[in-house]
Amino acid sequence: MKKETKIKIFLVDDDAVFLKLLEIEFLQHADYVIKTFATGELCLANLSFNPDIVILDYHLDGIDKNAINGIQTLDKIKAYNPDIAVVMLSSQDKIDVAVNCMHHLAFDYVVKSETAFFRLQKNITTIFRFKKIEKELSWYMERM
């Protein structure tokens, strides 16, 4: 019998209250393994835990003004492992910010709002559908 593995999610945000609320929401709605980080540097230092998804704040300078920002963190995550899905999260509702995130290979851009958690949940579902399709396609292509 195949053992089901839990989805590993990294939550990265310098807003401690928002970070804790997000963690609680995820833990209440599904059986995820959640790790939280207040800086991009801490997230990067823990990538060896191989997260499936990173939910990453766009700004990360609330604690340390010299901290790397979300885009820099995103670039380093993608350099480490391009298969890690990264969803950017920000209070900015600006199209140019969203487009910039997508140019840096973010899976999606979610604005912090009352619907943010719902959108993040939908992203997780979509990411794992894509991964399943990729595996099936890869399996099929190997047999051709």
C-alpha atoms as a PDB file:
ATOM      1  CA  MET A   1       0.000   0.000   0.000  1.00  0.00           C
ATOM      2  CA  LYS A   2       1.374   3.407  -0.964  1.00  0.00           C
ATOM      3  CA  LYS A   3       2.008   5.759   1.910  1.00  0.00           C
ATOM      4  CA  GLU A   4       0.385   9.184   1.398  1.00  0.00           C
ATOM      5  CA  THR A   5       2.793  12.042   2.053  1.00  0.00           C
ATOM      6  CA  LYS A   6       1.641  15.362   3.393  1.00  0.00           C
ATOM      7  CA  ILE A   7       2.013  18.539   1.376  1.00  0.00           C
ATOM      8  CA  LYS A   8       4.862  20.676   2.733  1.00  0.00           C
ATOM      9  CA  ILE A   9       4.220  24.392   2.677  1.00  0.00           C
ATOM     10  CA  PHE A  10       6.575  27.198   3.619  1.00  0.00           C
ATOM     11  CA  LEU A  11       4.881  30.446   4.655  1.00  0.00           C
ATOM     12  CA  VAL A  12       7.177  33.482   4.470  1.00  0.00           C
ATOM     13  CA  ASP A  13       5.982  36.861   5.736  1.00  0.00           C
ATOM     14  CA  ASP A  14       7.509  39.570   7.935  1.00  0.00           C
ATOM     15  CA  ASP A  15       4.073  40.406   9.406  1.00  0.00           C
ATOM     16  CA  ALA A  16       3.970  38.065  12.414  1.00  0.00           C
ATOM     17  CA  VAL A  17       0.215  38.403  12.946  1.00  0.00           C
ATOM     18  CA  PHE A  18      -0.658  37.705   9.317  1.00  0.00           C
ATOM     19  CA  LEU A  19       1.819  34.814   9.242  1.00  0.00           C
ATOM     20  CA  LYS A  20       0.223  33.193  12.299  1.00  0.00           C
ATOM     21  CA  LEU A  21      -3.314  33.696  10.931  1.00  0.00           C
ATOM     22  CA  LEU A  22      -2.310  32.091   7.663  1.00  0.00           C
ATOM     23  CA  GLU A  23      -0.697  29.154   9.457  1.00  0.00           C
ATOM     24  CA  ILE A  24      -3.828  28.608  11.577  1.00  0.00           C
ATOM     25  CA  GLU A  25      -6.073  28.752   8.483  1.00  0.00           C
ATOM     26  CA  PHE A  26      -4.016  26.143   6.654  1.00  0.00           C
ATOM     27  CA  LEU A  27      -3.816  23.822   9.640  1.00  0.00           C
ATOM     28  CA  GLN A  28      -7.576  24.052  10.239  1.00  0.00           C
ATOM     29  CA  HIS A  29      -8.532  23.249   6.649  1.00  0.00           C
ATOM     30  CA  ALA A  30      -6.131  20.477   5.672  1.00  0.00           C
ATOM     31  CA  ASP A  31      -3.432  18.180   6.951  1.00  0.00           C
ATOM     32  CA  TYR A  32      -0.352  20.055   5.755  1.00  0.00           C
ATOM     33  CA  VAL A  33       3.170  20.250   7.112  1.00  0.00           C
ATOM     34  CA  ILE A  34       3.670  23.989   7.658  1.00  0.00           C
ATOM     35  CA  LYS A  35       6.915  25.822   8.348  1.00  0.00           C
ATOM     36  CA  THR A  36       6.846  29.578   8.895  1.00  0.00           C
ATOM     37  CA  PHE A  37       9.626  32.101   8.343  1.00  0.00           C
ATOM     38  CA  ALA A  38       9.826  35.840   8.966  1.00  0.00           C
ATOM     39  CA  THR A  39      12.551  36.473   6.363  1.00  0.00           C
ATOM     40  CA  GLY A  40      13.555  35.239   2.949  1.00  0.00           C
ATOM     41  CA  GLU A  41      16.967  34.338   4.323  1.00  0.00           C
ATOM     42  CA  LEU A  42      15.427  31.924   6.857  1.00  0.00           C
ATOM     43  CA  CYS A  43      13.305  30.353   4.140  1.00  0.00           C
ATOM     44  CA  LEU A  44      16.327  29.858   1.894  1.00  0.00           C
ATOM     45  CA  ALA A  45      18.336  28.332   4.748  1.00  0.00           C
ATOM     46  CA  ASN A  46      15.644  25.656   5.108  1.00  0.00           C
ATOM     47  CA  LEU A  47      15.066  24.685   1.461  1.00  0.00           C
ATOM     48  CA  SER A  48      16.707  21.329   2.155  1.00  0.00           C
ATOM     49  CA  PHE A  49      13.356  20.358   3.752  1.00  0.00           C
ATOM     50  CA  ASN A  50      12.063  20.337   0.140  1.00  0.00           C
ATOM     51  CA  PRO A  51       8.812  22.265   0.365  1.00  0.00           C
ATOM     52  CA  ASP A  52       6.190  21.541  -2.261  1.00  0.00           C
ATOM     53  CA  ILE A  53       4.940  25.112  -2.176  1.00  0.00           C
ATOM     54  CA  VAL A  54       6.268  28.407  -0.860  1.00  0.00           C
ATOM     55  CA  ILE A  55       3.817  31.203  -0.139  1.00  0.00           C
ATOM     56  CA  LEU A  56       6.023  34.273  -0.168  1.00  0.00           C
ATOM     57  CA  ASP A  57       5.391  37.881   0.779  1.00  0.00           C
ATOM     58  CA  TYR A  58       6.468  40.432  -1.824  1.00  0.00           C
ATOM     59  CA  HIS A  59       7.970  42.787   0.772  1.00  0.00           C
ATOM     60  CA  LEU A  60      10.129  41.269   3.470  1.00  0.00           C
ATOM     61  CA  ASP A  61      11.801  44.286   5.061  1.00  0.00           C
ATOM     62  CA  GLY A  62       9.489  44.842   8.033  1.00  0.00           C
ATOM     63  CA  ILE A  63      11.886  43.266  10.518  1.00  0.00           C
ATOM     64  CA  ASP A  64      15.219  44.051   8.897  1.00  0.00           C
ATOM     65  CA  LYS A  65      15.458  46.900   6.362  1.00  0.00           C
ATOM     66  CA  ASN A  66      18.445  45.105   4.788  1.00  0.00           C
ATOM     67  CA  ALA A  67      16.608  41.794   4.350  1.00  0.00           C
ATOM     68  CA  ILE A  68      16.252  40.434   0.839  1.00  0.00           C
ATOM     69  CA  ASN A  69      12.842  41.066  -0.691  1.00  0.00           C
ATOM     70  CA  GLY A  70      10.329  38.582  -2.042  1.00  0.00           C
ATOM     71  CA  ILE A  71      11.530  38.781  -5.649  1.00  0.00           C
ATOM     72  CA  GLN A  72      15.140  38.114  -4.619  1.00  0.00           C
ATOM     73  CA  THR A  73      13.951  35.206  -2.480  1.00  0.00           C
ATOM     74  CA  LEU A  74      11.835  33.885  -5.361  1.00  0.00           C
ATOM     75  CA  ASP A  75      14.837  33.991  -7.714  1.00  0.00           C
ATOM     76  CA  LYS A  76      16.992  32.073  -5.228  1.00  0.00           C
ATOM     77  CA  ILE A  77      14.275  29.448  -4.649  1.00  0.00           C
ATOM     78  CA  LYS A  78      13.957  28.915  -8.419  1.00  0.00           C
ATOM     79  CA  ALA A  79      17.760  28.673  -8.751  1.00  0.00           C
ATOM     80  CA  TYR A  80      17.785  26.054  -5.976  1.00  0.00           C
ATOM     81  CA  ASN A  81      14.908  24.026  -7.444  1.00  0.00           C
ATOM     82  CA  PRO A  82      12.775  25.294 -10.330  1.00  0.00           C
ATOM     83  CA  ASP A  83      10.065  22.728  -9.482  1.00  0.00           C
ATOM     84  CA  ILE A  84       9.154  24.395  -6.183  1.00  0.00           C
ATOM     85  CA  ALA A  85       5.902  26.264  -6.771  1.00  0.00           C
ATOM     86  CA  VAL A  86       5.995  29.792  -5.366  1.00  0.00           C
ATOM     87  CA  VAL A  87       2.887  31.893  -4.847  1.00  0.00           C
ATOM     88  CA  MET A  88       3.586  35.555  -4.188  1.00  0.00           C
ATOM     89  CA  LEU A  89       1.467  37.362  -1.632  1.00  0.00           C
ATOM     90  CA  SER A  90       1.227  41.115  -1.164  1.00  0.00           C
ATOM     91  CA  SER A  91      -0.986  43.900   0.056  1.00  0.00           C
ATOM     92  CA  GLN A  92      -0.263  45.724  -3.216  1.00  0.00           C
ATOM     93  CA  ASP A  93      -3.063  45.462  -5.747  1.00  0.00           C
ATOM     94  CA  LYS A  94      -0.965  46.642  -8.684  1.00  0.00           C
ATOM     95  CA  ILE A  95      -0.835  44.888 -12.036  1.00  0.00           C
ATOM     96  CA  ASP A  96       2.834  45.799 -12.631  1.00  0.00           C
ATOM     97  CA  VAL A  97       3.825  44.117  -9.353  1.00  0.00           C
ATOM     98  CA  ALA A  98       1.883  40.982 -10.300  1.00  0.00           C
ATOM     99  CA  VAL A  99       3.434  40.926 -13.786  1.00  0.00           C
ATOM    100  CA  ASN A 100       6.915  41.345 -12.299  1.00  0.00           C
ATOM    101  CA  CYS A 101       6.310  38.333 -10.043  1.00  0.00           C
ATOM    102  CA  MET A 102       5.186  36.246 -12.995  1.00  0.00           C
ATOM    103  CA  HIS A 103       8.291  37.259 -14.968  1.00  0.00           C
ATOM    104  CA  HIS A 104      10.317  35.864 -12.087  1.00  0.00           C
ATOM    105  CA  LEU A 105       8.468  32.528 -12.409  1.00  0.00           C
ATOM    106  CA  ALA A 106       5.951  32.818  -9.582  1.00  0.00           C
ATOM    107  CA  PHE A 107       3.029  30.449 -10.025  1.00  0.00           C
ATOM    108  CA  ASP A 108       0.556  33.161  -9.061  1.00  0.00           C
ATOM    109  CA  TYR A 109       0.176  36.500  -7.316  1.00  0.00           C
ATOM    110  CA  VAL A 110      -2.397  36.847  -4.533  1.00  0.00           C
ATOM    111  CA  VAL A 111      -3.427  40.125  -2.928  1.00  0.00           C
ATOM    112  CA  LYS A 112      -3.794  40.055   0.855  1.00  0.00           C
ATOM    113  CA  SER A 113      -7.522  40.437   1.359  1.00  0.00           C
ATOM    114  CA  GLU A 114     -10.503  38.648   2.849  1.00  0.00           C
ATOM    115  CA  THR A 115     -10.359  36.165  -0.071  1.00  0.00           C
ATOM    116  CA  ALA A 116      -6.599  35.530   0.079  1.00  0.00           C
ATOM    117  CA  PHE A 117      -6.821  32.218   1.927  1.00  0.00           C
ATOM    118  CA  PHE A 118      -9.455  30.903  -0.492  1.00  0.00           C
ATOM    119  CA  ARG A 119      -7.270  31.867  -3.473  1.00  0.00           C
ATOM    120  CA  LEU A 120      -4.224  30.249  -1.881  1.00  0.00           C
ATOM    121  CA  GLN A 121      -6.185  27.024  -1.336  1.00  0.00           C
ATOM    122  CA  LYS A 122      -7.269  27.072  -4.999  1.00  0.00           C
ATOM    123  CA  ASN A 123      -3.633  27.573  -6.024  1.00  0.00           C
ATOM    124  CA  ILE A 124      -2.514  24.551  -4.006  1.00  0.00           C
ATOM    125  CA  THR A 125      -5.186  22.401  -5.640  1.00  0.00           C
ATOM    126  CA  THR A 126      -4.185  23.645  -9.093  1.00  0.00           C
ATOM    127  CA  ILE A 127      -0.467  23.115  -8.457  1.00  0.00           C
ATOM    128  CA  PHE A 128      -1.034  19.503  -7.464  1.00  0.00           C
ATOM    129  CA  ARG A 129      -3.290  18.873 -10.456  1.00  0.00           C
ATOM    130  CA  PHE A 130      -0.505  20.161 -12.707  1.00  0.00           C
ATOM    131  CA  LYS A 131       2.066  17.984 -10.946  1.00  0.00           C
ATOM    132  CA  LYS A 132      -0.158  14.925 -11.341  1.00  0.00           C
ATOM    133  CA  ILE A 133      -0.666  15.647 -15.052  1.00  0.00           C
ATOM    134  CA  GLU A 134       3.094  16.132 -15.506  1.00  0.00           C
ATOM    135  CA  LYS A 135       3.797  12.767 -13.848  1.00  0.00           C
ATOM    136  CA  GLU A 136       1.191  11.008 -15.971  1.00  0.00           C
ATOM    137  CA  LEU A 137       2.499  12.630 -19.139  1.00  0.00           C
ATOM    138  CA  SER A 138       6.064  11.719 -18.238  1.00  0.00           C
ATOM    139  CA  TRP A 139       5.013   8.112 -17.564  1.00  0.00           C
ATOM    140  CA  TYR A 140       3.186   7.980 -20.898  1.00  0.00           C
ATOM    141  CA  MET A 141       6.094   9.526 -22.842  1.00  0.00           C
ATOM    142  CA  GLU A 142       8.550   6.984 -21.370  1.00  0.00           C
ATOM    143  CA  ARG A 143       6.447   4.161 -22.746  1.00  0.00           C
ATOM    144  CA  MET A 144       6.178   5.530 -26.285  1.00  0.00           C
END
